[in-house]
């Protein structure tokens, strides 16, 4: 049976410099949270942009529902009477979620690029 010495194929074991892609792919678990948080951040930003464009087109009439964004509830309830208003969702809720997601993403990115 053919045996392969996998140690000689490892870049780090041979003492050669690791290329930039290999260095970041050899990260110890930061790629998954960075990817997930980045996708959530892009989704939230795109939803906010679409809602702002919708309400701008309709003369900032927040009585209309854009049917674009996520439903945001007051408190822990998920009943229809506890839905937040469209104005508070667009002006406060989604921007707050964007800020929280961006702040949560910063430490992972800083740690990744500090290698």
PDB file of N, CA and C in Angstrom:
ATOM      1  N   UNK A   1       0.834  -1.170   0.000  1.00  0.00           N
ATOM      2  CA  UNK A   1       0.000   0.000   0.000  1.00  0.00           C
ATOM      3  C   UNK A   1       0.889   1.247   0.000  1.00  0.00           C
ATOM      4  N   UNK A   2       0.474   2.236  -0.747  1.00  0.00           N
ATOM      5  CA  UNK A   2       1.228   3.475  -0.892  1.00  0.00           C
ATOM      6  C   UNK A   2       0.961   4.379   0.307  1.00  0.00           C
ATOM      7  N   UNK A   3       2.032   4.796   0.968  1.00  0.00           N
ATOM      8  CA  UNK A   3       1.879   5.707   2.100  1.00  0.00           C
ATOM      9  C   UNK A   3       2.360   7.088   1.687  1.00  0.00           C
ATOM     10  N   UNK A   4       1.624   8.084   2.101  1.00  0.00           N
ATOM     11  CA  UNK A   4       1.957   9.463   1.759  1.00  0.00           C
ATOM     12  C   UNK A   4       2.327  10.190   3.036  1.00  0.00           C
ATOM     13  N   UNK A   5       3.452  10.868   3.000  1.00  0.00           N
ATOM     14  CA  UNK A   5       3.872  11.673   4.141  1.00  0.00           C
ATOM     15  C   UNK A   5       3.245  13.061   3.993  1.00  0.00           C
ATOM     16  N   UNK A   6       2.116  13.250   4.658  1.00  0.00           N
ATOM     17  CA  UNK A   6       1.368  14.499   4.516  1.00  0.00           C
ATOM     18  C   UNK A   6       2.088  15.675   5.164  1.00  0.00           C
ATOM     19  N   UNK A   7       3.010  15.409   6.086  1.00  0.00           N
ATOM     20  CA  UNK A   7       3.717  16.500   6.753  1.00  0.00           C
ATOM     21  C   UNK A   7       4.553  17.319   5.766  1.00  0.00           C
ATOM     22  N   UNK A   8       5.098  16.656   4.739  1.00  0.00           N
ATOM     23  CA  UNK A   8       5.935  17.407   3.808  1.00  0.00           C
ATOM     24  C   UNK A   8       5.122  18.285   2.858  1.00  0.00           C
ATOM     25  N   UNK A   9       3.811  18.070   2.809  1.00  0.00           N
ATOM     26  CA  UNK A   9       2.967  18.896   1.956  1.00  0.00           C
ATOM     27  C   UNK A   9       2.382  20.098   2.689  1.00  0.00           C
ATOM     28  N   UNK A  10       2.582  20.166   3.972  1.00  0.00           N
ATOM     29  CA  UNK A  10       2.072  21.298   4.740  1.00  0.00           C
ATOM     30  C   UNK A  10       3.015  22.481   4.571  1.00  0.00           C
ATOM     31  N   UNK A  11       2.482  23.631   4.249  1.00  0.00           N
ATOM     32  CA  UNK A  11       3.295  24.834   4.050  1.00  0.00           C
ATOM     33  C   UNK A  11       4.010  25.232   5.332  1.00  0.00           C
ATOM     34  N   UNK A  12       3.290  25.172   6.423  1.00  0.00           N
ATOM     35  CA  UNK A  12       3.873  25.607   7.689  1.00  0.00           C
ATOM     36  C   UNK A  12       4.967  24.652   8.150  1.00  0.00           C
ATOM     37  N   UNK A  13       4.831  23.362   7.890  1.00  0.00           N
ATOM     38  CA  UNK A  13       5.816  22.387   8.325  1.00  0.00           C
ATOM     39  C   UNK A  13       7.120  22.525   7.542  1.00  0.00           C
ATOM     40  N   UNK A  14       7.056  22.935   6.291  1.00  0.00           N
ATOM     41  CA  UNK A  14       8.257  23.058   5.473  1.00  0.00           C
ATOM     42  C   UNK A  14       8.962  24.392   5.681  1.00  0.00           C
ATOM     43  N   UNK A  15       8.375  25.278   6.467  1.00  0.00           N
ATOM     44  CA  UNK A  15       9.013  26.550   6.753  1.00  0.00           C
ATOM     45  C   UNK A  15       8.866  27.574   5.649  1.00  0.00           C
ATOM     46  N   UNK A  16       8.053  27.300   4.663  1.00  0.00           N
ATOM     47  CA  UNK A  16       7.853  28.263   3.591  1.00  0.00           C
ATOM     48  C   UNK A  16       6.828  29.297   4.024  1.00  0.00           C
ATOM     49  N   UNK A  17       6.910  30.437   3.401  1.00  0.00           N
ATOM     50  CA  UNK A  17       5.950  31.478   3.753  1.00  0.00           C
ATOM     51  C   UNK A  17       4.567  31.099   3.238  1.00  0.00           C
ATOM     52  N   UNK A  18       3.609  31.403   4.033  1.00  0.00           N
ATOM     53  CA  UNK A  18       2.230  31.102   3.675  1.00  0.00           C
ATOM     54  C   UNK A  18       1.689  32.282   2.895  1.00  0.00           C
ATOM     55  N   UNK A  19       1.048  32.012   1.757  1.00  0.00           N
ATOM     56  CA  UNK A  19       0.455  33.077   0.963  1.00  0.00           C
ATOM     57  C   UNK A  19      -0.694  33.723   1.699  1.00  0.00           C
ATOM     58  N   UNK A  20      -1.145  34.840   1.208  1.00  0.00           N
ATOM     59  CA  UNK A  20      -2.173  35.590   1.925  1.00  0.00           C
ATOM     60  C   UNK A  20      -3.480  34.816   2.046  1.00  0.00           C
ATOM     61  N   UNK A  21      -3.863  34.080   1.012  1.00  0.00           N
ATOM     62  CA  UNK A  21      -5.126  33.344   1.085  1.00  0.00           C
ATOM     63  C   UNK A  21      -5.029  32.220   2.096  1.00  0.00           C
ATOM     64  N   UNK A  22      -3.912  31.493   2.082  1.00  0.00           N
ATOM     65  CA  UNK A  22      -3.759  30.393   3.022  1.00  0.00           C
ATOM     66  C   UNK A  22      -3.730  30.894   4.459  1.00  0.00           C
ATOM     67  N   UNK A  23      -3.152  32.065   4.663  1.00  0.00           N
ATOM     68  CA  UNK A  23      -3.084  32.617   6.013  1.00  0.00           C
ATOM     69  C   UNK A  23      -4.480  32.881   6.561  1.00  0.00           C
ATOM     70  N   UNK A  24      -5.374  33.422   5.726  1.00  0.00           N
ATOM     71  CA  UNK A  24      -6.717  33.727   6.196  1.00  0.00           C
ATOM     72  C   UNK A  24      -7.602  32.494   6.252  1.00  0.00           C
ATOM     73  N   UNK A  25      -7.366  31.531   5.375  1.00  0.00           N
ATOM     74  CA  UNK A  25      -8.157  30.304   5.436  1.00  0.00           C
ATOM     75  C   UNK A  25      -7.739  29.430   6.602  1.00  0.00           C
ATOM     76  N   UNK A  26      -6.522  29.634   7.118  1.00  0.00           N
ATOM     77  CA  UNK A  26      -6.063  28.883   8.275  1.00  0.00           C
ATOM     78  C   UNK A  26      -6.467  29.587   9.565  1.00  0.00           C
ATOM     79  N   UNK A  27      -7.474  30.415   9.490  1.00  0.00           N
ATOM     80  CA  UNK A  27      -7.964  31.088  10.686  1.00  0.00           C
ATOM     81  C   UNK A  27      -8.735  30.084  11.525  1.00  0.00           C
ATOM     82  N   UNK A  28      -8.750  30.300  12.795  1.00  0.00           N
ATOM     83  CA  UNK A  28      -9.337  29.334  13.717  1.00  0.00           C
ATOM     84  C   UNK A  28     -10.767  29.705  14.057  1.00  0.00           C
ATOM     85  N   UNK A  29     -11.629  29.688  13.077  1.00  0.00           N
ATOM     86  CA  UNK A  29     -13.043  29.870  13.327  1.00  0.00           C
ATOM     87  C   UNK A  29     -13.580  31.264  13.129  1.00  0.00           C
ATOM     88  N   UNK A  30     -12.783  32.186  12.606  1.00  0.00           N
ATOM     89  CA  UNK A  30     -13.357  33.514  12.415  1.00  0.00           C
ATOM     90  C   UNK A  30     -14.045  33.690  11.077  1.00  0.00           C
ATOM     91  N   UNK A  31     -13.787  32.842  10.125  1.00  0.00           N
ATOM     92  CA  UNK A  31     -14.373  32.999   8.790  1.00  0.00           C
ATOM     93  C   UNK A  31     -15.889  32.808   8.822  1.00  0.00           C
ATOM     94  N   UNK A  32     -16.362  31.826   9.569  1.00  0.00           N
ATOM     95  CA  UNK A  32     -17.809  31.555   9.611  1.00  0.00           C
ATOM     96  C   UNK A  32     -18.579  32.722  10.224  1.00  0.00           C
ATOM     97  N   UNK A  33     -18.188  33.237  11.412  1.00  0.00           N
ATOM     98  CA  UNK A  33     -18.947  34.385  11.938  1.00  0.00           C
ATOM     99  C   UNK A  33     -18.827  35.633  11.068  1.00  0.00           C
ATOM    100  N   UNK A  34     -17.666  35.843  10.462  1.00  0.00           N
ATOM    101  CA  UNK A  34     -17.517  37.005   9.586  1.00  0.00           C
ATOM    102  C   UNK A  34     -18.452  36.881   8.392  1.00  0.00           C
ATOM    103  N   UNK A  35     -18.525  35.695   7.818  1.00  0.00           N
ATOM    104  CA  UNK A  35     -19.400  35.484   6.666  1.00  0.00           C
ATOM    105  C   UNK A  35     -20.862  35.667   7.045  1.00  0.00           C
ATOM    106  N   UNK A  36     -21.273  35.058   8.148  1.00  0.00           N
ATOM    107  CA  UNK A  36     -22.675  35.162   8.567  1.00  0.00           C
ATOM    108  C   UNK A  36     -23.058  36.594   8.926  1.00  0.00           C
ATOM    109  N   UNK A  37     -22.226  37.255   9.722  1.00  0.00           N
ATOM    110  CA  UNK A  37     -22.537  38.635  10.101  1.00  0.00           C
ATOM    111  C   UNK A  37     -22.513  39.563   8.889  1.00  0.00           C
ATOM    112  N   UNK A  38     -21.612  39.312   7.949  1.00  0.00           N
ATOM    113  CA  UNK A  38     -21.572  40.138   6.739  1.00  0.00           C
ATOM    114  C   UNK A  38     -22.828  39.955   5.899  1.00  0.00           C
ATOM    115  N   UNK A  39     -23.291  38.712   5.776  1.00  0.00           N
ATOM    116  CA  UNK A  39     -24.521  38.465   5.023  1.00  0.00           C
ATOM    117  C   UNK A  39     -25.726  39.122   5.688  1.00  0.00           C
ATOM    118  N   UNK A  40     -25.807  39.031   7.013  1.00  0.00           N
ATOM    119  CA  UNK A  40     -26.907  39.675   7.738  1.00  0.00           C
ATOM    120  C   UNK A  40     -26.827  41.186   7.569  1.00  0.00           C
ATOM    121  N   UNK A  41     -25.626  41.736   7.649  1.00  0.00           N
ATOM    122  CA  UNK A  41     -25.450  43.178   7.501  1.00  0.00           C
ATOM    123  C   UNK A  41     -25.853  43.648   6.105  1.00  0.00           C
ATOM    124  N   UNK A  42     -25.444  42.930   5.083  1.00  0.00           N
ATOM    125  CA  UNK A  42     -25.823  43.295   3.709  1.00  0.00           C
ATOM    126  C   UNK A  42     -27.334  43.195   3.530  1.00  0.00           C
ATOM    127  N   UNK A  43     -27.945  42.149   4.091  1.00  0.00           N
ATOM    128  CA  UNK A  43     -29.399  41.999   4.000  1.00  0.00           C
ATOM    129  C   UNK A  43     -30.112  43.165   4.676  1.00  0.00           C
ATOM    130  N   UNK A  44     -29.698  43.518   5.892  1.00  0.00           N
ATOM    131  CA  UNK A  44     -30.346  44.612   6.615  1.00  0.00           C
ATOM    132  C   UNK A  44     -30.175  45.948   5.897  1.00  0.00           C
ATOM    133  N   UNK A  45     -28.994  46.185   5.358  1.00  0.00           N
ATOM    134  CA  UNK A  45     -28.765  47.437   4.632  1.00  0.00           C
ATOM    135  C   UNK A  45     -29.620  47.494   3.375  1.00  0.00           C
ATOM    136  N   UNK A  46     -29.725  46.376   2.656  1.00  0.00           N
ATOM    137  CA  UNK A  46     -30.548  46.382   1.438  1.00  0.00           C
ATOM    138  C   UNK A  46     -32.025  46.567   1.766  1.00  0.00           C
ATOM    139  N   UNK A  47     -32.496  45.971   2.859  1.00  0.00           N
ATOM    140  CA  UNK A  47     -33.888  46.161   3.282  1.00  0.00           C
ATOM    141  C   UNK A  47     -34.128  47.620   3.640  1.00  0.00           C
ATOM    142  N   UNK A  48     -33.199  48.223   4.369  1.00  0.00           N
ATOM    143  CA  UNK A  48     -33.363  49.622   4.774  1.00  0.00           C
ATOM    144  C   UNK A  48     -33.366  50.549   3.558  1.00  0.00           C
ATOM    145  N   UNK A  49     -32.497  50.298   2.613  1.00  0.00           N
ATOM    146  CA  UNK A  49     -32.465  51.129   1.401  1.00  0.00           C
ATOM    147  C   UNK A  49     -33.767  50.998   0.625  1.00  0.00           C
ATOM    148  N   UNK A  50     -34.260  49.768   0.477  1.00  0.00           N
ATOM    149  CA  UNK A  50     -35.518  49.567  -0.253  1.00  0.00           C
ATOM    150  C   UNK A  50     -36.684  50.253   0.454  1.00  0.00           C
ATOM    151  N   UNK A  51     -36.705  50.195   1.793  1.00  0.00           N
ATOM    152  CA  UNK A  51     -37.799  50.851   2.522  1.00  0.00           C
ATOM    153  C   UNK A  51     -37.703  52.364   2.425  1.00  0.00           C
ATOM    154  N   UNK A  52     -36.504  52.903   2.536  1.00  0.00           N
ATOM    155  CA  UNK A  52     -36.350  54.354   2.419  1.00  0.00           C
ATOM    156  C   UNK A  52     -36.778  54.823   1.030  1.00  0.00           C
ATOM    157  N   UNK A  53     -36.394  54.082  -0.002  1.00  0.00           N
ATOM    158  CA  UNK A  53     -36.818  54.448  -1.360  1.00  0.00           C
ATOM    159  C   UNK A  53     -38.331  54.354  -1.517  1.00  0.00           C
ATOM    160  N   UNK A  54     -38.946  53.332  -0.912  1.00  0.00           N
ATOM    161  CA  UNK A  54     -40.396  53.180  -0.992  1.00  0.00           C
ATOM    162  C   UNK A  54     -41.100  54.360  -0.332  1.00  0.00           C
ATOM    163  N   UNK A  55     -40.701  54.704   0.884  1.00  0.00           N
ATOM    164  CA  UNK A  55     -41.380  55.790   1.593  1.00  0.00           C
ATOM    165  C   UNK A  55     -41.049  57.152   0.985  1.00  0.00           C
ATOM    166  N   UNK A  56     -39.874  57.321   0.416  1.00  0.00           N
ATOM    167  CA  UNK A  56     -39.555  58.569  -0.271  1.00  0.00           C
ATOM    168  C   UNK A  56     -40.434  58.737  -1.507  1.00  0.00           C
ATOM    169  N   UNK A  57     -40.637  57.624  -2.231  1.00  0.00           N
ATOM    170  CA  UNK A  57     -41.478  57.664  -3.434  1.00  0.00           C
ATOM    171  C   UNK A  57     -42.929  57.984  -3.079  1.00  0.00           C
ATOM    172  N   UNK A  58     -43.385  57.564  -1.902  1.00  0.00           N
ATOM    173  CA  UNK A  58     -44.766  57.778  -1.479  1.00  0.00           C
ATOM    174  C   UNK A  58     -44.918  58.985  -0.558  1.00  0.00           C
ATOM    175  N   UNK A  59     -43.998  59.910  -0.609  1.00  0.00           N
ATOM    176  CA  UNK A  59     -44.109  61.151   0.147  1.00  0.00           C
ATOM    177  C   UNK A  59     -43.994  60.967   1.648  1.00  0.00           C
ATOM    178  N   UNK A  60     -43.190  60.023   2.089  1.00  0.00           N
ATOM    179  CA  UNK A  60     -42.957  59.741   3.504  1.00  0.00           C
ATOM    180  C   UNK A  60     -44.250  59.447   4.255  1.00  0.00           C
ATOM    181  N   UNK A  61     -45.185  58.792   3.584  1.00  0.00           N
ATOM    182  CA  UNK A  61     -46.443  58.383   4.206  1.00  0.00           C
ATOM    183  C   UNK A  61     -46.224  57.023   4.879  1.00  0.00           C
ATOM    184  N   UNK A  62     -45.995  57.056   6.190  1.00  0.00           N
ATOM    185  CA  UNK A  62     -45.702  55.823   6.920  1.00  0.00           C
ATOM    186  C   UNK A  62     -46.959  55.028   7.254  1.00  0.00           C
ATOM    187  N   UNK A  63     -48.119  55.512   6.827  1.00  0.00           N
ATOM    188  CA  UNK A  63     -49.341  54.720   7.000  1.00  0.00           C
ATOM    189  C   UNK A  63     -49.375  53.555   6.019  1.00  0.00           C
ATOM    190  N   UNK A  64     -48.663  53.685   4.907  1.00  0.00           N
ATOM    191  CA  UNK A  64     -48.563  52.594   3.936  1.00  0.00           C
ATOM    192  C   UNK A  64     -47.531  51.580   4.424  1.00  0.00           C
ATOM    193  N   UNK A  65     -47.793  50.315   4.137  1.00  0.00           N
ATOM    194  CA  UNK A  65     -46.832  49.280   4.508  1.00  0.00           C
ATOM    195  C   UNK A  65     -46.036  48.901   3.273  1.00  0.00           C
ATOM    196  N   UNK A  66     -44.726  48.900   3.392  1.00  0.00           N
ATOM    197  CA  UNK A  66     -43.874  48.608   2.236  1.00  0.00           C
ATOM    198  C   UNK A  66     -43.797  47.116   1.938  1.00  0.00           C
ATOM    199  N   UNK A  67     -44.110  46.270   2.892  1.00  0.00           N
ATOM    200  CA  UNK A  67     -44.011  44.811   2.757  1.00  0.00           C
ATOM    201  C   UNK A  67     -42.614  44.368   2.342  1.00  0.00           C
ATOM    202  N   UNK A  68     -41.619  45.153   2.697  1.00  0.00           N
ATOM    203  CA  UNK A  68     -40.238  44.829   2.356  1.00  0.00           C
ATOM    204  C   UNK A  68     -39.494  44.319   3.573  1.00  0.00           C
ATOM    205  N   UNK A  69     -39.604  45.031   4.662  1.00  0.00           N
ATOM    206  CA  UNK A  69     -38.798  44.733   5.834  1.00  0.00           C
ATOM    207  C   UNK A  69     -39.360  43.622   6.696  1.00  0.00           C
ATOM    208  N   UNK A  70     -38.597  43.326   7.718  1.00  0.00           N
ATOM    209  CA  UNK A  70     -39.012  42.330   8.693  1.00  0.00           C
ATOM    210  C   UNK A  70     -40.042  42.923   9.639  1.00  0.00           C
ATOM    211  N   UNK A  71     -40.851  42.073  10.224  1.00  0.00           N
ATOM    212  CA  UNK A  71     -41.803  42.546  11.221  1.00  0.00           C
ATOM    213  C   UNK A  71     -41.067  42.737  12.541  1.00  0.00           C
ATOM    214  N   UNK A  72     -41.295  43.888  13.161  1.00  0.00           N
ATOM    215  CA  UNK A  72     -40.667  44.206  14.438  1.00  0.00           C
ATOM    216  C   UNK A  72     -41.774  44.382  15.458  1.00  0.00           C
ATOM    217  N   UNK A  73     -41.632  43.720  16.595  1.00  0.00           N
ATOM    218  CA  UNK A  73     -42.656  43.739  17.634  1.00  0.00           C
ATOM    219  C   UNK A  73     -42.157  44.501  18.853  1.00  0.00           C
ATOM    220  N   UNK A  74     -43.101  45.076  19.593  1.00  0.00           N
ATOM    221  CA  UNK A  74     -42.793  45.706  20.871  1.00  0.00           C
ATOM    222  C   UNK A  74     -42.725  44.622  21.929  1.00  0.00           C
ATOM    223  N   UNK A  75     -41.613  44.490  22.590  1.00  0.00           N
ATOM    224  CA  UNK A  75     -41.485  43.492  23.647  1.00  0.00           C
ATOM    225  C   UNK A  75     -41.312  42.091  23.090  1.00  0.00           C
ATOM    226  N   UNK A  76     -41.695  41.111  23.902  1.00  0.00           N
ATOM    227  CA  UNK A  76     -41.508  39.713  23.535  1.00  0.00           C
ATOM    228  C   UNK A  76     -42.702  39.116  22.816  1.00  0.00           C
ATOM    229  N   UNK A  77     -43.773  39.844  22.724  1.00  0.00           N
ATOM    230  CA  UNK A  77     -44.985  39.315  22.112  1.00  0.00           C
ATOM    231  C   UNK A  77     -44.856  39.302  20.595  1.00  0.00           C
ATOM    232  N   UNK A  78     -45.595  38.411  19.964  1.00  0.00           N
ATOM    233  CA  UNK A  78     -45.626  38.400  18.503  1.00  0.00           C
ATOM    234  C   UNK A  78     -47.054  38.478  17.981  1.00  0.00           C
ATOM    235  N   UNK A  79     -47.904  39.150  18.742  1.00  0.00           N
ATOM    236  CA  UNK A  79     -49.279  39.342  18.284  1.00  0.00           C
ATOM    237  C   UNK A  79     -49.352  40.597  17.413  1.00  0.00           C
ATOM    238  N   UNK A  80     -50.399  40.671  16.613  1.00  0.00           N
ATOM    239  CA  UNK A  80     -50.524  41.764  15.644  1.00  0.00           C
ATOM    240  C   UNK A  80     -50.658  43.136  16.300  1.00  0.00           C
ATOM    241  N   UNK A  81     -51.232  43.205  17.501  1.00  0.00           N
ATOM    242  CA  UNK A  81     -51.380  44.523  18.131  1.00  0.00           C
ATOM    243  C   UNK A  81     -50.061  45.037  18.704  1.00  0.00           C
ATOM    244  N   UNK A  82     -49.052  44.172  18.805  1.00  0.00           N
ATOM    245  CA  UNK A  82     -47.753  44.596  19.317  1.00  0.00           C
ATOM    246  C   UNK A  82     -46.738  44.916  18.218  1.00  0.00           C
ATOM    247  N   UNK A  83     -47.194  44.975  16.973  1.00  0.00           N
ATOM    248  CA  UNK A  83     -46.293  45.376  15.889  1.00  0.00           C
ATOM    249  C   UNK A  83     -45.898  46.837  16.060  1.00  0.00           C
ATOM    250  N   UNK A  84     -44.640  47.143  15.810  1.00  0.00           N
ATOM    251  CA  UNK A  84     -44.226  48.545  15.866  1.00  0.00           C
ATOM    252  C   UNK A  84     -44.736  49.269  14.628  1.00  0.00           C
ATOM    253  N   UNK A  85     -44.763  50.563  14.697  1.00  0.00           N
ATOM    254  CA  UNK A  85     -45.229  51.334  13.543  1.00  0.00           C
ATOM    255  C   UNK A  85     -44.173  51.283  12.438  1.00  0.00           C
ATOM    256  N   UNK A  86     -44.617  51.567  11.241  1.00  0.00           N
ATOM    257  CA  UNK A  86     -43.690  51.568  10.109  1.00  0.00           C
ATOM    258  C   UNK A  86     -42.589  52.607  10.297  1.00  0.00           C
ATOM    259  N   UNK A  87     -42.962  53.760  10.842  1.00  0.00           N
ATOM    260  CA  UNK A  87     -41.982  54.821  11.038  1.00  0.00           C
ATOM    261  C   UNK A  87     -40.910  54.407  12.036  1.00  0.00           C
ATOM    262  N   UNK A  88     -41.313  53.814  13.149  1.00  0.00           N
ATOM    263  CA  UNK A  88     -40.310  53.408  14.136  1.00  0.00           C
ATOM    264  C   UNK A  88     -39.462  52.246  13.634  1.00  0.00           C
ATOM    265  N   UNK A  89     -40.048  51.381  12.811  1.00  0.00           N
ATOM    266  CA  UNK A  89     -39.273  50.279  12.245  1.00  0.00           C
ATOM    267  C   UNK A  89     -38.216  50.801  11.283  1.00  0.00           C
ATOM    268  N   UNK A  90     -38.618  51.734  10.401  1.00  0.00           N
ATOM    269  CA  UNK A  90     -37.700  52.237   9.377  1.00  0.00           C
ATOM    270  C   UNK A  90     -36.685  53.209   9.966  1.00  0.00           C
ATOM    271  N   UNK A  91     -37.122  54.069  10.871  1.00  0.00           N
ATOM    272  CA  UNK A  91     -36.240  55.117  11.391  1.00  0.00           C
ATOM    273  C   UNK A  91     -35.393  54.679  12.580  1.00  0.00           C
ATOM    274  N   UNK A  92     -35.846  53.681  13.341  1.00  0.00           N
ATOM    275  CA  UNK A  92     -35.124  53.288  14.548  1.00  0.00           C
ATOM    276  C   UNK A  92     -34.753  51.805  14.581  1.00  0.00           C
ATOM    277  N   UNK A  93     -35.683  50.931  14.249  1.00  0.00           N
ATOM    278  CA  UNK A  93     -35.468  49.495  14.413  1.00  0.00           C
ATOM    279  C   UNK A  93     -34.393  48.922  13.514  1.00  0.00           C
ATOM    280  N   UNK A  94     -34.537  49.103  12.215  1.00  0.00           N
ATOM    281  CA  UNK A  94     -33.560  48.549  11.282  1.00  0.00           C
ATOM    282  C   UNK A  94     -32.202  49.237  11.393  1.00  0.00           C
ATOM    283  N   UNK A  95     -32.117  50.566  11.536  1.00  0.00           N
ATOM    284  CA  UNK A  95     -30.793  51.165  11.748  1.00  0.00           C
ATOM    285  C   UNK A  95     -30.111  50.669  13.028  1.00  0.00           C
ATOM    286  N   UNK A  96     -30.889  50.421  14.075  1.00  0.00           N
ATOM    287  CA  UNK A  96     -30.309  49.872  15.301  1.00  0.00           C
ATOM    288  C   UNK A  96     -29.768  48.464  15.051  1.00  0.00           C
ATOM    289  N   UNK A  97     -30.512  47.644  14.312  1.00  0.00           N
ATOM    290  CA  UNK A  97     -30.048  46.290  13.990  1.00  0.00           C
ATOM    291  C   UNK A  97     -28.790  46.341  13.122  1.00  0.00           C
ATOM    292  N   UNK A  98     -28.718  47.294  12.200  1.00  0.00           N
ATOM    293  CA  UNK A  98     -27.522  47.458  11.368  1.00  0.00           C
ATOM    294  C   UNK A  98     -26.327  47.835  12.239  1.00  0.00           C
ATOM    295  N   UNK A  99     -26.527  48.755  13.172  1.00  0.00           N
ATOM    296  CA  UNK A  99     -25.436  49.178  14.050  1.00  0.00           C
ATOM    297  C   UNK A  99     -24.953  48.029  14.931  1.00  0.00           C
ATOM    298  N   UNK A 100     -25.879  47.261  15.493  1.00  0.00           N
ATOM    299  CA  UNK A 100     -25.496  46.131  16.348  1.00  0.00           C
ATOM    300  C   UNK A 100     -24.729  45.090  15.546  1.00  0.00           C
ATOM    301  N   UNK A 101     -25.181  44.800  14.349  1.00  0.00           N
ATOM    302  CA  UNK A 101     -24.515  43.815  13.497  1.00  0.00           C
ATOM    303  C   UNK A 101     -23.119  44.302  13.103  1.00  0.00           C
ATOM    304  N   UNK A 102     -22.984  45.566  12.764  1.00  0.00           N
ATOM    305  CA  UNK A 102     -21.679  46.113  12.388  1.00  0.00           C
ATOM    306  C   UNK A 102     -20.721  46.118  13.570  1.00  0.00           C
ATOM    307  N   UNK A 103     -21.220  46.467  14.754  1.00  0.00           N
ATOM    308  CA  UNK A 103     -20.375  46.470  15.948  1.00  0.00           C
ATOM    309  C   UNK A 103     -19.949  45.053  16.310  1.00  0.00           C
ATOM    310  N   UNK A 104     -20.833  44.084  16.116  1.00  0.00           N
ATOM    311  CA  UNK A 104     -20.481  42.687  16.386  1.00  0.00           C
ATOM    312  C   UNK A 104     -19.474  42.160  15.370  1.00  0.00           C
ATOM    313  N   UNK A 105     -19.466  42.707  14.178  1.00  0.00           N
ATOM    314  CA  UNK A 105     -18.559  42.255  13.122  1.00  0.00           C
ATOM    315  C   UNK A 105     -17.145  42.805  13.298  1.00  0.00           C
ATOM    316  N   UNK A 106     -17.006  43.965  13.898  1.00  0.00           N
ATOM    317  CA  UNK A 106     -15.713  44.643  14.009  1.00  0.00           C
ATOM    318  C   UNK A 106     -14.642  43.795  14.701  1.00  0.00           C
ATOM    319  N   UNK A 107     -14.891  43.197  15.870  1.00  0.00           N
ATOM    320  CA  UNK A 107     -13.815  42.421  16.512  1.00  0.00           C
ATOM    321  C   UNK A 107     -13.321  41.242  15.677  1.00  0.00           C
ATOM    322  N   UNK A 108     -14.216  40.577  14.973  1.00  0.00           N
ATOM    323  CA  UNK A 108     -13.801  39.450  14.142  1.00  0.00           C
ATOM    324  C   UNK A 108     -12.905  39.915  12.999  1.00  0.00           C
ATOM    325  N   UNK A 109     -13.271  41.025  12.373  1.00  0.00           N
ATOM    326  CA  UNK A 109     -12.481  41.539  11.253  1.00  0.00           C
ATOM    327  C   UNK A 109     -11.128  42.041  11.743  1.00  0.00           C
ATOM    328  N   UNK A 110     -11.109  42.736  12.869  1.00  0.00           N
ATOM    329  CA  UNK A 110      -9.843  43.221  13.425  1.00  0.00           C
ATOM    330  C   UNK A 110      -8.936  42.051  13.764  1.00  0.00           C
ATOM    331  N   UNK A 111      -9.489  41.009  14.368  1.00  0.00           N
ATOM    332  CA  UNK A 111      -8.688  39.837  14.714  1.00  0.00           C
ATOM    333  C   UNK A 111      -8.164  39.145  13.465  1.00  0.00           C
ATOM    334  N   UNK A 112      -8.981  39.059  12.431  1.00  0.00           N
ATOM    335  CA  UNK A 112      -8.556  38.397  11.201  1.00  0.00           C
ATOM    336  C   UNK A 112      -7.425  39.160  10.525  1.00  0.00           C
ATOM    337  N   UNK A 113      -7.540  40.484  10.450  1.00  0.00           N
ATOM    338  CA  UNK A 113      -6.519  41.270   9.763  1.00  0.00           C
ATOM    339  C   UNK A 113      -5.297  41.561  10.626  1.00  0.00           C
ATOM    340  N   UNK A 114      -5.336  41.214  11.900  1.00  0.00           N
ATOM    341  CA  UNK A 114      -4.169  41.425  12.754  1.00  0.00           C
ATOM    342  C   UNK A 114      -3.180  40.274  12.659  1.00  0.00           C
ATOM    343  N   UNK A 115      -3.496  39.269  11.868  1.00  0.00           N
ATOM    344  CA  UNK A 115      -2.592  38.118  11.724  1.00  0.00           C
ATOM    345  C   UNK A 115      -1.376  38.493  10.920  1.00  0.00           C
TER     346      UNK A 115
END
